[in-house]
Structures are given as structure tokens and as C-alpha cells.
Amino acid sequence: MTRTPQRSPPQLITLEALGAGGLPLRVIRIPGGAPVPPPGPLVSTFFMVFVLTAGRGRARFLEQLEVHEGDIHLIPAGVEHQPLDIGNLEGWIVGFDPLLLRSLGPEWLPEPPGGLGRTRPPPVRSLFVRGLLRLRPGQPRWRRIVHHVAELDAELREARWSVENAAHAWFVLLVTELLRELQEHTPLAPAMSGGLVHEALAFIEAHCLRPLSLQDVAAAVGCTPSHLANVIRKETGLTVGDWLREHRMSEARRCLLETGASIENIASQVGYTDVTHFIRTFRRVHGMTPRAWREQRRR
């Protein structure tokens, strides 16, 4: 009996691996702004916005497609994608932790499963639920989007005083233009990604800063814990615990950089009831304690 070869899990990409330096934002120039990705499928733990200003190429999201100048592609965290041919493409990739949208108000967060469409207008949730959309805005909006991304890129590269505040301001302007485009031109577009894994990841994003277990996530999406664990591991290469830890560590880094809160308070803010467990987890991920990491970054 011939055995079907097992498909290798996708390569994981994190903002830290791309040089975010503890910030929840990273802008990468195309071409040459980041390490060459390994061959094969990729999964990012952050949201990606591709803004392409010149050239043509090929990629695979849910299916293979041509990408070219004037495109804006939205890829949510946890969705498999693969660059097939970079070609002569130019532009930017804006990567951001979805939790960054918490600062804009609760209406920007992914809606938990079971309440789809009842409490929020579809465009607000499009960045999370629809995903993988190719936007082609008209020239006035396109110029504004390119301007916002260029300014965001400049702020992060120059790292001037209060870079976090300035970068956040440009980020808000960029996301606002994207949501306006979705609202005005794709209000009835069907979801291009969905299913059990996407609902589970959306639930984790929305609730990761409080105590959360595999059983909680499974109950929210209506399946058994073992089935959910297997499906998420198979499709994303990460476990439920891995996704939960990624989001919590990202928020912990933000708190360490941007606030003077104690380690105990930060542990509680990011969902850890035991500060020792938080410190142990942080050290395993970053190679040092939260206090040492904060001191090193501030120096």
C-alpha cells in the first residue's frame, strides 16, 4: 500500500524575526527589505498588508494569482501564503500585531464566533474575517495610502524621539483608508477565508489577554479540544498555546517598552495569573527576563 507523503508544516514568521525590535509594527520594503523567505508555504503570526507600487509577480494565497502595481493584498495572521515569483515588484509590506488595534477601540477587534454581523458593520471586521482581499483603490485614495505607508516606513527607520506615537498615528491613518475602501467598494464581498481555524484564531486574538484555555477556545467554536488542537496544528504549524503565547508576548513587549508598569502588573495585564510563570515563559521566548529585556531595549 502506497503511503501519501505527509505535507510539511508551513514556515513560521514572527515580527521579532523580521526585526521589529519589540514594536508591534514593521514595514519592509520590496525588494530587499527583508531576508529572502525560505521556499514553501509560510504562516505569519501578524497581519500583513502588501502595497505594491510597481512591477509584476506571482503568489499563492488560497490560490495562485498574479500580483502587480496598484494592488493591495490583505493577509490575516495564521493564513498560509507563499511568494512564487517576486519578479520586479516594488512596494512595501506592513506587518502588525492585530492586538495593536485594541488602542483604536473594541469595535476594531475581531468579533468572536457566534455573533457575526449582528453588532458591527461588515467593513470593520473585513480586515480579519474576509482577508486575502485584493483592493484596487482609485488614484486619490491610492496616493494617500502610499503616502501614509512611506511616512510610517520613515518613522520606523529613523527612530526619532517618540517614534512609537508618530508611527501609531500614521498606522491609524493607513488602516482608516483601508477600511474606507472596504466600506465603499466591497461591502458585500463574501469571505475568502473562514472555517474552524480562522474562527478559533479570531477568538484567541479577542480574548488572549485574559486566562484562556484550549477548552475555552474549543467551546467557543463548537468542537472538541482534541479536534481543534489537531486542525490548528496541521493548518498553521502552531498549537493553540503557541498562538496564545505569541499574542501575549507581543503585548508584554509593548507594555515593557511603553509603560513603567511593574512586571507583576504586566503579567496580569497579558493574561498570566502567576508572575513566575510569566517570567519563565518570557525568558524561554526572549532568552532573558522581562526586566533585563526592558533595560536592554531602553539603553
C-alpha atoms as a PDB file:
ATOM      1  CA  MET A   1       0.000   0.000   0.000  1.00  0.00           C
ATOM      2  CA  THR A   2       1.435   3.330  -1.076  1.00  0.00           C
ATOM      3  CA  ARG A   3       1.521   5.897   1.697  1.00  0.00           C
ATOM      4  CA  THR A   4       0.805   9.506   0.843  1.00  0.00           C
ATOM      5  CA  PRO A   5       3.789  11.623   1.907  1.00  0.00           C
ATOM      6  CA  GLN A   6       2.941  13.922   4.766  1.00  0.00           C
ATOM      7  CA  ARG A   7       2.874  17.610   3.946  1.00  0.00           C
ATOM      8  CA  SER A   8       5.469  19.538   5.905  1.00  0.00           C
ATOM      9  CA  PRO A   9       4.103  22.330   8.126  1.00  0.00           C
ATOM     10  CA  PRO A  10       4.482  25.907   6.878  1.00  0.00           C
ATOM     11  CA  GLN A  11       7.398  28.038   7.990  1.00  0.00           C
ATOM     12  CA  LEU A  12       6.504  30.378  10.850  1.00  0.00           C
ATOM     13  CA  ILE A  13       7.267  34.126  10.573  1.00  0.00           C
ATOM     14  CA  THR A  14       7.112  36.494  13.554  1.00  0.00           C
ATOM     15  CA  LEU A  15       7.511  40.265  13.768  1.00  0.00           C
ATOM     16  CA  GLU A  16      10.507  39.811  16.053  1.00  0.00           C
ATOM     17  CA  ALA A  17      12.227  37.613  13.473  1.00  0.00           C
ATOM     18  CA  LEU A  18      11.747  40.417  10.933  1.00  0.00           C
ATOM     19  CA  GLY A  19      13.479  42.917  13.202  1.00  0.00           C
ATOM     20  CA  ALA A  20      10.524  44.681  14.825  1.00  0.00           C
ATOM     21  CA  GLY A  21      12.613  45.261  17.952  1.00  0.00           C
ATOM     22  CA  GLY A  22       9.728  44.790  20.356  1.00  0.00           C
ATOM     23  CA  LEU A  23       7.353  47.091  18.480  1.00  0.00           C
ATOM     24  CA  PRO A  24       4.006  45.760  17.196  1.00  0.00           C
ATOM     25  CA  LEU A  25       4.725  47.277  13.750  1.00  0.00           C
ATOM     26  CA  ARG A  26       7.209  46.513  10.991  1.00  0.00           C
ATOM     27  CA  VAL A  27       7.468  47.960   7.487  1.00  0.00           C
ATOM     28  CA  ILE A  28       9.521  46.092   4.900  1.00  0.00           C
ATOM     29  CA  ARG A  29      10.472  47.487   1.520  1.00  0.00           C
ATOM     30  CA  ILE A  30      10.109  45.389  -1.609  1.00  0.00           C
ATOM     31  CA  PRO A  31      12.604  44.422  -2.899  1.00  0.00           C
ATOM     32  CA  GLY A  32      15.431  43.870  -0.481  1.00  0.00           C
ATOM     33  CA  GLY A  33      13.868  44.953   2.793  1.00  0.00           C
ATOM     34  CA  ALA A  34      13.832  41.561   4.498  1.00  0.00           C
ATOM     35  CA  PRO A  35      15.632  38.206   4.455  1.00  0.00           C
ATOM     36  CA  VAL A  36      14.738  36.035   1.481  1.00  0.00           C
ATOM     37  CA  PRO A  37      11.880  33.783   2.651  1.00  0.00           C
ATOM     38  CA  PRO A  38      12.509  30.044   2.586  1.00  0.00           C
ATOM     39  CA  PRO A  39      10.889  28.062  -0.215  1.00  0.00           C
ATOM     40  CA  GLY A  40       7.485  26.635   0.565  1.00  0.00           C
ATOM     41  CA  PRO A  41       4.395  27.852   2.396  1.00  0.00           C
ATOM     42  CA  LEU A  42       4.580  30.484   5.145  1.00  0.00           C
ATOM     43  CA  VAL A  43       2.360  31.443   8.079  1.00  0.00           C
ATOM     44  CA  SER A  44       2.761  34.739   9.927  1.00  0.00           C
ATOM     45  CA  THR A  45       1.724  35.445  13.499  1.00  0.00           C
ATOM     46  CA  PHE A  46       0.827  39.000  12.452  1.00  0.00           C
ATOM     47  CA  PHE A  47      -1.409  40.718   9.916  1.00  0.00           C
ATOM     48  CA  MET A  48       0.206  41.620   6.581  1.00  0.00           C
ATOM     49  CA  VAL A  49      -0.718  44.397   4.147  1.00  0.00           C
ATOM     50  CA  PHE A  50       1.051  44.356   0.781  1.00  0.00           C
ATOM     51  CA  VAL A  51       1.105  47.733  -1.006  1.00  0.00           C
ATOM     52  CA  LEU A  52       2.607  47.224  -4.475  1.00  0.00           C
ATOM     53  CA  THR A  53       3.751  50.322  -6.346  1.00  0.00           C
ATOM     54  CA  ALA A  54       5.455  48.806  -9.405  1.00  0.00           C
ATOM     55  CA  GLY A  55       6.166  45.570 -11.263  1.00  0.00           C
ATOM     56  CA  ARG A  56       4.534  42.164 -11.519  1.00  0.00           C
ATOM     57  CA  GLY A  57       4.902  38.828  -9.774  1.00  0.00           C
ATOM     58  CA  ARG A  58       3.102  35.688  -8.647  1.00  0.00           C
ATOM     59  CA  ALA A  59       1.987  34.405  -5.250  1.00  0.00           C
ATOM     60  CA  ARG A  60      -0.271  31.816  -3.682  1.00  0.00           C
ATOM     61  CA  PHE A  61      -2.813  32.624  -1.009  1.00  0.00           C
ATOM     62  CA  LEU A  62      -5.926  30.489  -1.253  1.00  0.00           C
ATOM     63  CA  GLU A  63      -4.997  30.002  -4.888  1.00  0.00           C
ATOM     64  CA  GLN A  64      -2.251  31.089  -7.250  1.00  0.00           C
ATOM     65  CA  LEU A  65      -2.661  34.636  -8.521  1.00  0.00           C
ATOM     66  CA  GLU A  66      -0.878  37.394 -10.375  1.00  0.00           C
ATOM     67  CA  VAL A  67       0.121  40.410  -8.276  1.00  0.00           C
ATOM     68  CA  HIS A  68       1.082  43.738  -9.786  1.00  0.00           C
ATOM     69  CA  GLU A  69       1.337  47.501  -9.445  1.00  0.00           C
ATOM     70  CA  GLY A  70      -1.666  49.130  -7.772  1.00  0.00           C
ATOM     71  CA  ASP A  71      -2.607  46.041  -5.743  1.00  0.00           C
ATOM     72  CA  ILE A  72      -3.200  45.986  -2.006  1.00  0.00           C
ATOM     73  CA  HIS A  73      -3.361  42.476  -0.541  1.00  0.00           C
ATOM     74  CA  LEU A  74      -4.587  41.740   2.994  1.00  0.00           C
ATOM     75  CA  ILE A  75      -3.400  38.540   4.692  1.00  0.00           C
ATOM     76  CA  PRO A  76      -4.585  37.824   8.254  1.00  0.00           C
ATOM     77  CA  ALA A  77      -2.435  36.138  10.873  1.00  0.00           C
ATOM     78  CA  GLY A  78      -2.492  32.369  10.604  1.00  0.00           C
ATOM     79  CA  VAL A  79      -3.354  32.204   6.907  1.00  0.00           C
ATOM     80  CA  GLU A  80      -0.947  30.257   4.737  1.00  0.00           C
ATOM     81  CA  HIS A  81       0.673  32.114   1.847  1.00  0.00           C
ATOM     82  CA  GLN A  82       3.646  31.691  -0.449  1.00  0.00           C
ATOM     83  CA  PRO A  83       5.623  34.022  -2.730  1.00  0.00           C
ATOM     84  CA  LEU A  84       6.128  32.161  -6.013  1.00  0.00           C
ATOM     85  CA  ASP A  85       7.882  34.780  -8.122  1.00  0.00           C
ATOM     86  CA  ILE A  86       8.863  38.206  -6.760  1.00  0.00           C
ATOM     87  CA  GLY A  87       9.589  39.342 -10.319  1.00  0.00           C
ATOM     88  CA  ASN A  88      10.237  43.075 -10.486  1.00  0.00           C
ATOM     89  CA  LEU A  89       7.774  44.018  -7.746  1.00  0.00           C
ATOM     90  CA  GLU A  90       8.294  47.166  -5.697  1.00  0.00           C
ATOM     91  CA  GLY A  91       6.401  48.494  -2.701  1.00  0.00           C
ATOM     92  CA  TRP A  92       6.027  47.710   0.981  1.00  0.00           C
ATOM     93  CA  ILE A  93       4.834  45.036   3.362  1.00  0.00           C
ATOM     94  CA  VAL A  94       3.237  46.443   6.519  1.00  0.00           C
ATOM     95  CA  GLY A  95       3.157  43.863   9.292  1.00  0.00           C
ATOM     96  CA  PHE A  96       1.337  44.500  12.540  1.00  0.00           C
ATOM     97  CA  ASP A  97       0.129  42.571  15.533  1.00  0.00           C
ATOM     98  CA  PRO A  98      -3.692  42.516  15.428  1.00  0.00           C
ATOM     99  CA  LEU A  99      -3.688  43.500  19.105  1.00  0.00           C
ATOM    100  CA  LEU A 100      -2.386  46.898  18.027  1.00  0.00           C
ATOM    101  CA  LEU A 101      -5.956  47.681  17.007  1.00  0.00           C
ATOM    102  CA  ARG A 102      -7.031  47.482  20.645  1.00  0.00           C
ATOM    103  CA  SER A 103      -5.821  51.035  21.066  1.00  0.00           C
ATOM    104  CA  LEU A 104      -8.386  52.157  18.490  1.00  0.00           C
ATOM    105  CA  GLY A 105     -11.333  50.831  20.499  1.00  0.00           C
ATOM    106  CA  PRO A 106     -13.100  47.486  20.947  1.00  0.00           C
ATOM    107  CA  GLU A 107     -15.020  47.817  17.674  1.00  0.00           C
ATOM    108  CA  TRP A 108     -11.762  47.204  15.770  1.00  0.00           C
ATOM    109  CA  LEU A 109     -11.188  43.792  17.336  1.00  0.00           C
ATOM    110  CA  PRO A 110     -12.165  40.552  15.607  1.00  0.00           C
ATOM    111  CA  GLU A 111     -15.674  39.577  16.601  1.00  0.00           C
ATOM    112  CA  PRO A 112     -15.985  36.264  18.489  1.00  0.00           C
ATOM    113  CA  PRO A 113     -17.733  33.392  16.687  1.00  0.00           C
ATOM    114  CA  GLY A 114     -21.494  33.261  17.037  1.00  0.00           C
ATOM    115  CA  GLY A 115     -22.155  36.994  16.749  1.00  0.00           C
ATOM    116  CA  LEU A 116     -21.206  37.555  13.143  1.00  0.00           C
ATOM    117  CA  GLY A 117     -22.742  40.658  11.630  1.00  0.00           C
ATOM    118  CA  ARG A 118     -25.175  41.468  14.425  1.00  0.00           C
ATOM    119  CA  THR A 119     -23.339  44.172  16.297  1.00  0.00           C
ATOM    120  CA  ARG A 120     -20.800  45.648  13.893  1.00  0.00           C
ATOM    121  CA  PRO A 121     -20.872  46.783  10.298  1.00  0.00           C
ATOM    122  CA  PRO A 122     -19.128  44.314   7.972  1.00  0.00           C
ATOM    123  CA  PRO A 123     -16.293  46.657   6.900  1.00  0.00           C
ATOM    124  CA  VAL A 124     -14.898  46.887  10.433  1.00  0.00           C
ATOM    125  CA  ARG A 125     -14.453  43.128  10.504  1.00  0.00           C
ATOM    126  CA  SER A 126     -13.306  42.753   6.927  1.00  0.00           C
ATOM    127  CA  LEU A 127      -9.620  43.002   7.795  1.00  0.00           C
ATOM    128  CA  PHE A 128      -9.994  39.889   9.931  1.00  0.00           C
ATOM    129  CA  VAL A 129     -12.844  37.806   8.570  1.00  0.00           C
ATOM    130  CA  ARG A 130     -12.679  38.382   4.838  1.00  0.00           C
ATOM    131  CA  GLY A 131      -8.932  38.542   4.493  1.00  0.00           C
ATOM    132  CA  LEU A 132      -6.996  37.810   1.339  1.00  0.00           C
ATOM    133  CA  LEU A 133      -8.812  40.581  -0.492  1.00  0.00           C
ATOM    134  CA  ARG A 134      -7.145  42.390  -3.346  1.00  0.00           C
ATOM    135  CA  LEU A 135      -8.036  46.058  -3.148  1.00  0.00           C
ATOM    136  CA  ARG A 136      -7.504  48.432  -6.075  1.00  0.00           C
ATOM    137  CA  PRO A 137      -8.395  51.916  -4.790  1.00  0.00           C
ATOM    138  CA  GLY A 138      -8.832  54.923  -7.058  1.00  0.00           C
ATOM    139  CA  GLN A 139      -5.954  57.330  -7.539  1.00  0.00           C
ATOM    140  CA  PRO A 140      -6.805  59.843  -4.771  1.00  0.00           C
ATOM    141  CA  ARG A 141      -7.020  57.123  -2.104  1.00  0.00           C
ATOM    142  CA  TRP A 142      -4.107  55.195  -3.583  1.00  0.00           C
ATOM    143  CA  ARG A 143      -1.881  58.276  -3.272  1.00  0.00           C
ATOM    144  CA  ARG A 144      -2.939  58.764   0.352  1.00  0.00           C
ATOM    145  CA  ILE A 145      -2.258  55.122   1.201  1.00  0.00           C
ATOM    146  CA  VAL A 146       1.185  55.213  -0.407  1.00  0.00           C
ATOM    147  CA  HIS A 147       1.945  58.467   1.426  1.00  0.00           C
ATOM    148  CA  HIS A 148       0.898  57.007   4.797  1.00  0.00           C
ATOM    149  CA  VAL A 149       2.994  53.867   4.282  1.00  0.00           C
ATOM    150  CA  ALA A 150       6.035  55.884   3.190  1.00  0.00           C
ATOM    151  CA  GLU A 151       5.773  58.120   6.272  1.00  0.00           C
ATOM    152  CA  LEU A 152       5.281  55.102   8.528  1.00  0.00           C
ATOM    153  CA  ASP A 153       8.352  53.476   6.985  1.00  0.00           C
ATOM    154  CA  ALA A 154      10.394  56.662   7.503  1.00  0.00           C
ATOM    155  CA  GLU A 155       9.385  56.966  11.156  1.00  0.00           C
ATOM    156  CA  LEU A 156      10.366  53.394  11.943  1.00  0.00           C
ATOM    157  CA  ARG A 157      13.654  53.654  10.047  1.00  0.00           C
ATOM    158  CA  GLU A 158      14.773  56.962  11.537  1.00  0.00           C
ATOM    159  CA  ALA A 159      13.715  56.030  15.087  1.00  0.00           C
ATOM    160  CA  ARG A 160      13.457  59.623  16.250  1.00  0.00           C
ATOM    161  CA  TRP A 161      12.106  60.796  19.590  1.00  0.00           C
ATOM    162  CA  SER A 162       8.595  59.417  20.301  1.00  0.00           C
ATOM    163  CA  VAL A 163       8.753  57.147  17.269  1.00  0.00           C
ATOM    164  CA  GLU A 164       6.042  54.906  18.745  1.00  0.00           C
ATOM    165  CA  ASN A 165       3.497  57.730  18.871  1.00  0.00           C
ATOM    166  CA  ALA A 166       4.321  59.038  15.404  1.00  0.00           C
ATOM    167  CA  ALA A 167       4.301  55.558  13.861  1.00  0.00           C
ATOM    168  CA  HIS A 168       0.999  54.778  15.531  1.00  0.00           C
ATOM    169  CA  ALA A 169      -0.537  57.950  14.091  1.00  0.00           C
ATOM    170  CA  TRP A 170       0.469  57.035  10.532  1.00  0.00           C
ATOM    171  CA  PHE A 171      -0.729  53.471  11.132  1.00  0.00           C
ATOM    172  CA  VAL A 172      -4.182  54.725  12.182  1.00  0.00           C
ATOM    173  CA  LEU A 173      -4.425  56.838   9.021  1.00  0.00           C
ATOM    174  CA  LEU A 174      -3.407  53.859   6.874  1.00  0.00           C
ATOM    175  CA  VAL A 175      -5.914  51.452   8.443  1.00  0.00           C
ATOM    176  CA  THR A 176      -8.662  54.080   8.199  1.00  0.00           C
ATOM    177  CA  GLU A 177      -8.122  54.390   4.446  1.00  0.00           C
ATOM    178  CA  LEU A 178      -8.189  50.608   4.047  1.00  0.00           C
ATOM    179  CA  LEU A 179     -11.434  50.330   5.982  1.00  0.00           C
ATOM    180  CA  ARG A 180     -12.985  53.160   3.986  1.00  0.00           C
ATOM    181  CA  GLU A 181     -12.081  51.362   0.764  1.00  0.00           C
ATOM    182  CA  LEU A 182     -13.649  48.169   2.070  1.00  0.00           C
ATOM    183  CA  GLN A 183     -16.770  50.005   3.175  1.00  0.00           C
ATOM    184  CA  GLU A 184     -17.255  51.899  -0.064  1.00  0.00           C
ATOM    185  CA  HIS A 185     -16.316  49.292  -2.636  1.00  0.00           C
ATOM    186  CA  THR A 186     -16.520  45.800  -1.135  1.00  0.00           C
ATOM    187  CA  PRO A 187     -19.369  45.888   1.423  1.00  0.00           C
ATOM    188  CA  LEU A 188     -20.948  42.687   0.128  1.00  0.00           C
ATOM    189  CA  ALA A 189     -17.811  40.771  -0.772  1.00  0.00           C
ATOM    190  CA  PRO A 190     -18.005  37.180   0.518  1.00  0.00           C
ATOM    191  CA  ALA A 191     -15.493  35.892   2.990  1.00  0.00           C
ATOM    192  CA  MET A 192     -12.481  34.391   1.227  1.00  0.00           C
ATOM    193  CA  SER A 193     -11.157  32.723   4.341  1.00  0.00           C
ATOM    194  CA  GLY A 194     -13.087  31.186   7.148  1.00  0.00           C
ATOM    195  CA  GLY A 195     -13.834  27.894   8.804  1.00  0.00           C
ATOM    196  CA  LEU A 196     -12.860  26.449  12.112  1.00  0.00           C
ATOM    197  CA  VAL A 197      -9.234  27.579  12.243  1.00  0.00           C
ATOM    198  CA  HIS A 198      -9.998  31.178  11.316  1.00  0.00           C
ATOM    199  CA  GLU A 199     -12.785  31.430  13.901  1.00  0.00           C
ATOM    200  CA  ALA A 200     -10.523  29.940  16.553  1.00  0.00           C
ATOM    201  CA  LEU A 201      -7.682  32.375  15.802  1.00  0.00           C
ATOM    202  CA  ALA A 202     -10.111  35.309  15.864  1.00  0.00           C
ATOM    203  CA  PHE A 203     -11.402  34.170  19.257  1.00  0.00           C
ATOM    204  CA  ILE A 204      -7.850  33.846  20.603  1.00  0.00           C
ATOM    205  CA  GLU A 205      -6.979  37.363  19.388  1.00  0.00           C
ATOM    206  CA  ALA A 206     -10.070  38.831  21.031  1.00  0.00           C
ATOM    207  CA  HIS A 207      -9.627  37.091  24.401  1.00  0.00           C
ATOM    208  CA  CYS A 208      -5.904  36.383  24.753  1.00  0.00           C
ATOM    209  CA  LEU A 209      -5.308  38.964  27.491  1.00  0.00           C
ATOM    210  CA  ARG A 210      -7.389  37.072  29.989  1.00  0.00           C
ATOM    211  CA  PRO A 211      -6.921  33.495  31.238  1.00  0.00           C
ATOM    212  CA  LEU A 212      -7.782  31.263  28.283  1.00  0.00           C
ATOM    213  CA  SER A 213      -7.526  27.525  27.745  1.00  0.00           C
ATOM    214  CA  LEU A 214      -7.818  25.162  24.795  1.00  0.00           C
ATOM    215  CA  GLN A 215     -11.169  24.090  26.220  1.00  0.00           C
ATOM    216  CA  ASP A 216     -12.414  27.704  26.178  1.00  0.00           C
ATOM    217  CA  VAL A 217     -11.471  28.154  22.527  1.00  0.00           C
ATOM    218  CA  ALA A 218     -12.960  24.800  21.517  1.00  0.00           C
ATOM    219  CA  ALA A 219     -16.241  25.603  23.270  1.00  0.00           C
ATOM    220  CA  ALA A 220     -16.412  28.975  21.501  1.00  0.00           C
ATOM    221  CA  VAL A 221     -16.103  27.412  18.042  1.00  0.00           C
ATOM    222  CA  GLY A 222     -18.218  24.347  18.799  1.00  0.00           C
ATOM    223  CA  CYS A 223     -15.820  21.410  18.602  1.00  0.00           C
ATOM    224  CA  THR A 224     -13.823  19.130  20.868  1.00  0.00           C
ATOM    225  CA  PRO A 225     -10.460  20.321  22.228  1.00  0.00           C
ATOM    226  CA  SER A 226      -8.575  17.430  20.630  1.00  0.00           C
ATOM    227  CA  HIS A 227     -10.075  18.074  17.184  1.00  0.00           C
ATOM    228  CA  LEU A 228      -9.348  21.807  17.387  1.00  0.00           C
ATOM    229  CA  ALA A 229      -5.766  21.193  18.534  1.00  0.00           C
ATOM    230  CA  ASN A 230      -5.122  18.806  15.638  1.00  0.00           C
ATOM    231  CA  VAL A 231      -6.657  21.055  12.981  1.00  0.00           C
ATOM    232  CA  ILE A 232      -4.853  24.216  14.093  1.00  0.00           C
ATOM    233  CA  ARG A 233      -1.516  22.387  14.340  1.00  0.00           C
ATOM    234  CA  LYS A 234      -1.994  20.854  10.891  1.00  0.00           C
ATOM    235  CA  GLU A 235      -3.018  24.076   9.129  1.00  0.00           C
ATOM    236  CA  THR A 236      -0.741  26.609  10.837  1.00  0.00           C
ATOM    237  CA  GLY A 237       2.154  24.605  12.262  1.00  0.00           C
ATOM    238  CA  LEU A 238       1.431  26.089  15.718  1.00  0.00           C
ATOM    239  CA  THR A 239      -0.576  24.903  18.675  1.00  0.00           C
ATOM    240  CA  VAL A 240      -3.349  26.864  20.375  1.00  0.00           C
ATOM    241  CA  GLY A 241      -0.892  27.534  23.196  1.00  0.00           C
ATOM    242  CA  ASP A 242       1.686  28.830  20.718  1.00  0.00           C
ATOM    243  CA  TRP A 243      -0.786  31.350  19.258  1.00  0.00           C
ATOM    244  CA  LEU A 244      -1.866  32.442  22.721  1.00  0.00           C
ATOM    245  CA  ARG A 245       1.738  32.920  23.824  1.00  0.00           C
ATOM    246  CA  GLU A 246       2.670  34.880  20.673  1.00  0.00           C
ATOM    247  CA  HIS A 247      -0.096  37.430  21.258  1.00  0.00           C
ATOM    248  CA  ARG A 248       0.627  37.728  24.969  1.00  0.00           C
ATOM    249  CA  MET A 249       4.359  38.164  24.468  1.00  0.00           C
ATOM    250  CA  SER A 250       3.745  40.861  21.872  1.00  0.00           C
ATOM    251  CA  GLU A 251       1.545  42.811  24.288  1.00  0.00           C
ATOM    252  CA  ALA A 252       4.061  42.228  27.087  1.00  0.00           C
ATOM    253  CA  ARG A 253       6.853  43.714  24.961  1.00  0.00           C
ATOM    254  CA  ARG A 254       4.693  46.748  24.223  1.00  0.00           C
ATOM    255  CA  CYS A 255       3.956  47.271  27.920  1.00  0.00           C
ATOM    256  CA  LEU A 256       7.619  46.888  28.841  1.00  0.00           C
ATOM    257  CA  LEU A 257       8.672  49.460  26.254  1.00  0.00           C
ATOM    258  CA  GLU A 258       5.882  51.999  26.527  1.00  0.00           C
ATOM    259  CA  THR A 259       4.912  51.942  30.210  1.00  0.00           C
ATOM    260  CA  GLY A 260       6.546  51.951  33.606  1.00  0.00           C
ATOM    261  CA  ALA A 261       4.258  49.210  34.930  1.00  0.00           C
ATOM    262  CA  SER A 262       5.785  46.618  37.222  1.00  0.00           C
ATOM    263  CA  ILE A 263       6.482  43.106  35.969  1.00  0.00           C
ATOM    264  CA  GLU A 264       3.701  41.831  38.230  1.00  0.00           C
ATOM    265  CA  ASN A 265       1.169  44.250  36.721  1.00  0.00           C
ATOM    266  CA  ILE A 266       2.229  43.448  33.174  1.00  0.00           C
ATOM    267  CA  ALA A 267       1.904  39.727  33.843  1.00  0.00           C
ATOM    268  CA  SER A 268      -1.662  40.295  34.992  1.00  0.00           C
ATOM    269  CA  GLN A 269      -2.450  42.594  32.042  1.00  0.00           C
ATOM    270  CA  VAL A 270      -1.409  39.987  29.488  1.00  0.00           C
ATOM    271  CA  GLY A 271      -3.342  37.079  30.992  1.00  0.00           C
ATOM    272  CA  TYR A 272      -0.956  35.430  33.454  1.00  0.00           C
ATOM    273  CA  THR A 273      -2.254  34.858  36.975  1.00  0.00           C
ATOM    274  CA  ASP A 274       1.192  33.649  38.110  1.00  0.00           C
ATOM    275  CA  VAL A 275       4.021  36.156  37.633  1.00  0.00           C
ATOM    276  CA  THR A 276       6.612  33.373  37.931  1.00  0.00           C
ATOM    277  CA  HIS A 277       5.008  31.540  35.021  1.00  0.00           C
ATOM    278  CA  PHE A 278       5.036  34.779  33.015  1.00  0.00           C
ATOM    279  CA  ILE A 279       8.730  35.424  33.716  1.00  0.00           C
ATOM    280  CA  ARG A 280       9.625  31.813  32.870  1.00  0.00           C
ATOM    281  CA  THR A 281       7.688  31.980  29.587  1.00  0.00           C
ATOM    282  CA  PHE A 282       9.188  35.348  28.645  1.00  0.00           C
ATOM    283  CA  ARG A 283      12.708  34.094  29.343  1.00  0.00           C
ATOM    284  CA  ARG A 284      12.122  30.987  27.227  1.00  0.00           C
ATOM    285  CA  VAL A 285      10.935  33.116  24.282  1.00  0.00           C
ATOM    286  CA  HIS A 286      13.417  36.017  24.534  1.00  0.00           C
ATOM    287  CA  GLY A 287      16.421  34.491  26.267  1.00  0.00           C
ATOM    288  CA  MET A 288      16.224  36.899  29.230  1.00  0.00           C
ATOM    289  CA  THR A 289      13.833  38.056  31.931  1.00  0.00           C
ATOM    290  CA  PRO A 290      11.282  40.824  31.256  1.00  0.00           C
ATOM    291  CA  ARG A 291      13.241  43.216  33.486  1.00  0.00           C
ATOM    292  CA  ALA A 292      16.514  42.559  31.667  1.00  0.00           C
ATOM    293  CA  TRP A 293      14.784  42.877  28.286  1.00  0.00           C
ATOM    294  CA  ARG A 294      13.286  46.239  29.256  1.00  0.00           C
ATOM    295  CA  GLU A 295      16.622  47.578  30.498  1.00  0.00           C
ATOM    296  CA  GLN A 296      18.444  46.419  27.381  1.00  0.00           C
ATOM    297  CA  ARG A 297      15.914  47.976  24.981  1.00  0.00           C
ATOM    298  CA  ARG A 298      15.811  51.252  26.877  1.00  0.00           C
ATOM    299  CA  ARG A 299      19.583  51.521  26.791  1.00  0.00           C
END
